[in-house]
Amino acid sequence: MTVMTVDLVTTPADVEGLRRLYPQSIHGVLWLQTHFPSSEWGALLQDQACFSADCPDHLLSDAVDAGLLVHQLIAV
């Protein structure tokens, strides 16, 4: 039996038009560390980083291409 672990998650932020991005696995953490300067790691690892709605799409496309499993929560 194979268990799939989600590596990165995006959720809607409290501000309309913004999305949060945070890691759920060590692979997600390592991937974020290769894409952001160390000065931003704290916010990213503590679910405090927010991005405009189109920014995570580009980041997550790269993450999927790198083999990460991504989960995007959509607000309706």
N, C-alpha and C. Protein backbone atom coordinates (compact mmCIF):
# COMPACT_ATOMS: atom_id res chain seq x y z
N MET A 1 0.84 -1.18 0.00
CA MET A 1 0.00 0.00 0.00
C MET A 1 0.88 1.24 0.00
N THR A 2 0.63 2.15 -0.92
CA THR A 2 1.39 3.38 -1.03
C THR A 2 0.60 4.53 -0.42
N VAL A 3 1.25 5.28 0.45
CA VAL A 3 0.62 6.44 1.07
C VAL A 3 1.22 7.68 0.43
N MET A 4 0.37 8.53 -0.11
CA MET A 4 0.82 9.76 -0.75
C MET A 4 0.80 10.88 0.28
N THR A 5 1.91 11.54 0.47
CA THR A 5 2.01 12.66 1.39
C THR A 5 2.00 13.95 0.59
N VAL A 6 1.14 14.86 0.96
CA VAL A 6 1.08 16.17 0.32
C VAL A 6 2.33 16.94 0.73
N ASP A 7 2.99 17.57 -0.23
CA ASP A 7 4.21 18.32 0.04
C ASP A 7 3.95 19.81 0.28
N LEU A 8 3.07 20.40 -0.52
CA LEU A 8 2.74 21.82 -0.39
C LEU A 8 1.23 22.01 -0.42
N VAL A 9 0.75 22.99 0.33
CA VAL A 9 -0.68 23.29 0.39
C VAL A 9 -0.87 24.78 0.17
N THR A 10 -1.89 25.14 -0.60
CA THR A 10 -2.29 26.54 -0.70
C THR A 10 -3.72 26.65 -0.19
N THR A 11 -3.98 27.75 0.49
CA THR A 11 -5.31 28.02 1.01
C THR A 11 -5.61 29.50 0.78
N PRO A 12 -6.88 29.86 0.70
CA PRO A 12 -7.21 31.28 0.60
C PRO A 12 -6.77 32.00 1.88
N ALA A 13 -6.25 33.21 1.72
CA ALA A 13 -5.86 34.03 2.87
C ALA A 13 -7.08 34.82 3.36
N ASP A 14 -6.91 35.50 4.47
CA ASP A 14 -7.99 36.32 5.02
C ASP A 14 -8.32 37.51 4.13
N VAL A 15 -7.37 37.94 3.32
CA VAL A 15 -7.56 39.07 2.41
C VAL A 15 -7.92 38.53 1.04
N GLU A 16 -9.00 39.02 0.48
CA GLU A 16 -9.45 38.56 -0.84
C GLU A 16 -8.37 38.77 -1.88
N GLY A 17 -8.15 37.77 -2.72
CA GLY A 17 -7.16 37.85 -3.78
C GLY A 17 -5.78 37.36 -3.37
N LEU A 18 -5.62 37.01 -2.10
CA LEU A 18 -4.34 36.48 -1.63
C LEU A 18 -4.48 35.02 -1.25
N ARG A 19 -3.38 34.28 -1.40
CA ARG A 19 -3.36 32.86 -1.04
C ARG A 19 -2.15 32.59 -0.16
N ARG A 20 -2.31 31.67 0.77
CA ARG A 20 -1.22 31.22 1.63
C ARG A 20 -0.59 29.99 1.00
N LEU A 21 0.70 29.83 1.22
CA LEU A 21 1.43 28.67 0.74
C LEU A 21 2.27 28.15 1.89
N TYR A 22 2.13 26.87 2.20
CA TYR A 22 2.94 26.31 3.28
C TYR A 22 3.25 24.84 3.02
N PRO A 23 4.40 24.39 3.57
CA PRO A 23 4.83 23.01 3.34
C PRO A 23 4.15 22.04 4.29
N GLN A 24 4.00 20.79 3.83
CA GLN A 24 3.43 19.73 4.65
C GLN A 24 4.37 18.54 4.77
N SER A 25 5.54 18.64 4.14
CA SER A 25 6.51 17.54 4.20
C SER A 25 7.91 18.14 4.15
N ILE A 26 8.88 17.32 4.46
CA ILE A 26 10.28 17.78 4.37
C ILE A 26 10.63 18.11 2.92
N HIS A 27 10.02 17.43 1.96
CA HIS A 27 10.27 17.76 0.56
C HIS A 27 9.74 19.14 0.22
N GLY A 28 8.57 19.48 0.77
CA GLY A 28 8.02 20.82 0.58
C GLY A 28 8.91 21.89 1.19
N VAL A 29 9.44 21.61 2.38
CA VAL A 29 10.34 22.56 3.05
C VAL A 29 11.60 22.77 2.21
N LEU A 30 12.21 21.68 1.78
CA LEU A 30 13.43 21.79 0.98
C LEU A 30 13.18 22.52 -0.34
N TRP A 31 12.04 22.25 -0.96
CA TRP A 31 11.71 22.93 -2.21
C TRP A 31 11.57 24.43 -1.97
N LEU A 32 10.87 24.83 -0.91
CA LEU A 32 10.72 26.26 -0.60
C LEU A 32 12.07 26.91 -0.35
N GLN A 33 12.95 26.20 0.34
CA GLN A 33 14.27 26.76 0.64
C GLN A 33 15.11 26.99 -0.61
N THR A 34 14.83 26.24 -1.67
CA THR A 34 15.58 26.45 -2.92
C THR A 34 14.98 27.58 -3.76
N HIS A 35 13.78 28.05 -3.39
CA HIS A 35 13.11 29.08 -4.18
C HIS A 35 12.99 30.43 -3.50
N PHE A 36 13.32 30.51 -2.21
CA PHE A 36 13.19 31.77 -1.47
C PHE A 36 14.44 32.02 -0.64
N PRO A 37 14.79 33.29 -0.43
CA PRO A 37 15.95 33.59 0.41
C PRO A 37 15.70 33.19 1.86
N SER A 38 16.77 32.92 2.58
CA SER A 38 16.64 32.46 3.97
C SER A 38 15.91 33.46 4.86
N SER A 39 15.93 34.73 4.51
CA SER A 39 15.22 35.73 5.31
C SER A 39 13.70 35.54 5.28
N GLU A 40 13.19 34.78 4.33
CA GLU A 40 11.75 34.56 4.20
C GLU A 40 11.30 33.19 4.69
N TRP A 41 12.23 32.32 5.06
CA TRP A 41 11.88 30.96 5.45
C TRP A 41 10.97 30.93 6.66
N GLY A 42 11.18 31.80 7.64
CA GLY A 42 10.35 31.79 8.85
C GLY A 42 8.88 31.98 8.51
N ALA A 43 8.57 32.96 7.71
CA ALA A 43 7.18 33.22 7.33
C ALA A 43 6.61 32.05 6.53
N LEU A 44 7.41 31.51 5.63
CA LEU A 44 6.95 30.39 4.82
C LEU A 44 6.67 29.14 5.66
N LEU A 45 7.50 28.87 6.63
CA LEU A 45 7.37 27.66 7.43
C LEU A 45 6.32 27.79 8.53
N GLN A 46 5.89 29.01 8.82
CA GLN A 46 4.90 29.23 9.87
C GLN A 46 3.53 29.63 9.30
N ASP A 47 3.30 29.35 8.01
CA ASP A 47 2.02 29.64 7.36
C ASP A 47 1.67 31.12 7.45
N GLN A 48 2.65 31.99 7.30
CA GLN A 48 2.42 33.43 7.35
C GLN A 48 2.68 34.11 6.01
N ALA A 49 3.11 33.36 5.01
CA ALA A 49 3.42 33.93 3.71
C ALA A 49 2.16 33.98 2.84
N CYS A 50 1.88 35.15 2.28
CA CYS A 50 0.73 35.31 1.39
C CYS A 50 1.22 35.80 0.04
N PHE A 51 0.55 35.34 -1.00
CA PHE A 51 0.90 35.67 -2.37
C PHE A 51 -0.34 36.11 -3.12
N SER A 52 -0.15 36.93 -4.16
CA SER A 52 -1.28 37.25 -5.02
C SER A 52 -1.76 35.96 -5.68
N ALA A 53 -2.99 35.94 -6.10
CA ALA A 53 -3.62 34.70 -6.58
C ALA A 53 -2.86 34.03 -7.73
N ASP A 54 -2.22 34.80 -8.61
CA ASP A 54 -1.54 34.18 -9.74
C ASP A 54 -0.13 33.68 -9.41
N CYS A 55 0.48 34.21 -8.39
CA CYS A 55 1.85 33.83 -8.03
C CYS A 55 1.98 32.35 -7.64
N PRO A 56 1.11 31.82 -6.77
CA PRO A 56 1.25 30.40 -6.44
C PRO A 56 1.08 29.48 -7.64
N ASP A 57 0.30 29.89 -8.62
CA ASP A 57 0.12 29.05 -9.81
C ASP A 57 1.46 28.78 -10.48
N HIS A 58 2.28 29.82 -10.62
CA HIS A 58 3.59 29.65 -11.26
C HIS A 58 4.51 28.82 -10.36
N LEU A 59 4.50 29.10 -9.06
CA LEU A 59 5.34 28.34 -8.13
C LEU A 59 4.93 26.87 -8.09
N LEU A 60 3.62 26.64 -8.01
CA LEU A 60 3.15 25.27 -7.87
C LEU A 60 3.34 24.47 -9.15
N SER A 61 3.28 25.13 -10.27
CA SER A 61 3.58 24.44 -11.53
C SER A 61 5.01 23.93 -11.50
N ASP A 62 5.93 24.75 -11.01
CA ASP A 62 7.32 24.34 -10.89
C ASP A 62 7.46 23.20 -9.88
N ALA A 63 6.73 23.28 -8.77
CA ALA A 63 6.78 22.24 -7.74
C ALA A 63 6.29 20.90 -8.29
N VAL A 64 5.20 20.92 -9.04
CA VAL A 64 4.67 19.69 -9.63
C VAL A 64 5.67 19.13 -10.63
N ASP A 65 6.29 20.00 -11.43
CA ASP A 65 7.31 19.55 -12.38
C ASP A 65 8.49 18.89 -11.65
N ALA A 66 8.74 19.33 -10.40
CA ALA A 66 9.83 18.77 -9.60
C ALA A 66 9.41 17.47 -8.89
N GLY A 67 8.15 17.07 -9.05
CA GLY A 67 7.69 15.82 -8.47
C GLY A 67 6.98 15.94 -7.14
N LEU A 68 6.70 17.16 -6.69
CA LEU A 68 5.99 17.34 -5.43
C LEU A 68 4.49 17.18 -5.62
N LEU A 69 3.82 16.71 -4.57
CA LEU A 69 2.38 16.60 -4.57
C LEU A 69 1.81 17.86 -3.92
N VAL A 70 0.95 18.55 -4.64
CA VAL A 70 0.43 19.84 -4.21
C VAL A 70 -1.08 19.74 -4.01
N HIS A 71 -1.57 20.37 -2.95
CA HIS A 71 -3.01 20.41 -2.66
C HIS A 71 -3.43 21.88 -2.61
N GLN A 72 -4.41 22.23 -3.46
CA GLN A 72 -4.90 23.60 -3.49
C GLN A 72 -6.34 23.63 -3.00
N LEU A 73 -6.56 24.30 -1.88
CA LEU A 73 -7.91 24.48 -1.39
C LEU A 73 -8.53 25.69 -2.07
N ILE A 74 -9.74 25.53 -2.54
CA ILE A 74 -10.43 26.58 -3.29
C ILE A 74 -11.59 27.09 -2.46
N ALA A 75 -11.71 28.40 -2.35
CA ALA A 75 -12.86 29.00 -1.65
C ALA A 75 -13.96 29.28 -2.67
N VAL A 76 -15.20 28.93 -2.31
CA VAL A 76 -16.34 29.19 -3.18
C VAL A 76 -17.30 30.13 -2.52
